[in-house]
Amino acid sequence: MSKRAMPAASSLSVARIPGGSTVVVGRKLPEVGVTDKGVMVPSTRIESRRMVLDGEDITYRPWKLSATNGRVRTIYHLAARLGLEGVNKPYIDALIAAKLPELLPDAPYKTITVVNLADALWGTRGLALARMERNQHDFPYALFVADEKGLAREAWDLKTGQTAVIILNRNGTILFSKEGRLSPAEIRQAVGIIQKELESPKG
């Protein structure tokens, strides 16, 4: 899946990305539900207008993409492979530096990390899950989805063993997508798309 950013409405492409991907800028990201594991739910409280940890326990509940509609989102999908988490860390760091409005439960923006545990190498699944839980403790306001069966990768026709960054508007329409490492220019572009979308009137 090559990098794409959303063009003007009058020139939206209806062609599918080579390889048959269902991730097409200007179209809705296909619905997916994860019931095995699912979204992590840490114990939190609101303090100084942000979510903070209120204990170490993490539970899991079923997750659906459509449940996050109504806000701008980055879907950060990655295989549960050692070392892969760092591929697009500069993008995650840029999101943090941008101080996007994501610190409260009903915030207008969220970063949603979906980890494909079905793509973990033999013997590393537990390590990947433990690393996810540490990240959830570090960022209690972010959403982390443990996808046991790789349903999101299958629904979106993403490559195995890779990462993907997908930006959605409030209605679930794809504004930007790229599979693999983002360049510095692409990082600036992606963050700019999010900021512009947050400034636009709610549709």
Foldseek 3Di string as FASTA:
>chain_A
DAKDFADPPVDADPDADPPRFPQGFQAFQDKDKAAPQWKKAADWDADPRFTAHDDLDIGGGIDMPQVQFQAKEKEKEAELEPPQVPQAVVLVVVLVVVVAQQGDQPTRYAYEYEYALCLYDPPCSVVSVVVQSVVCNVRVRHIYTYRDHCRSCVSRVHDRRWIKIWIAANHRGTRIIRITHDDPVRSVVVVVVNVVRVPDDDD
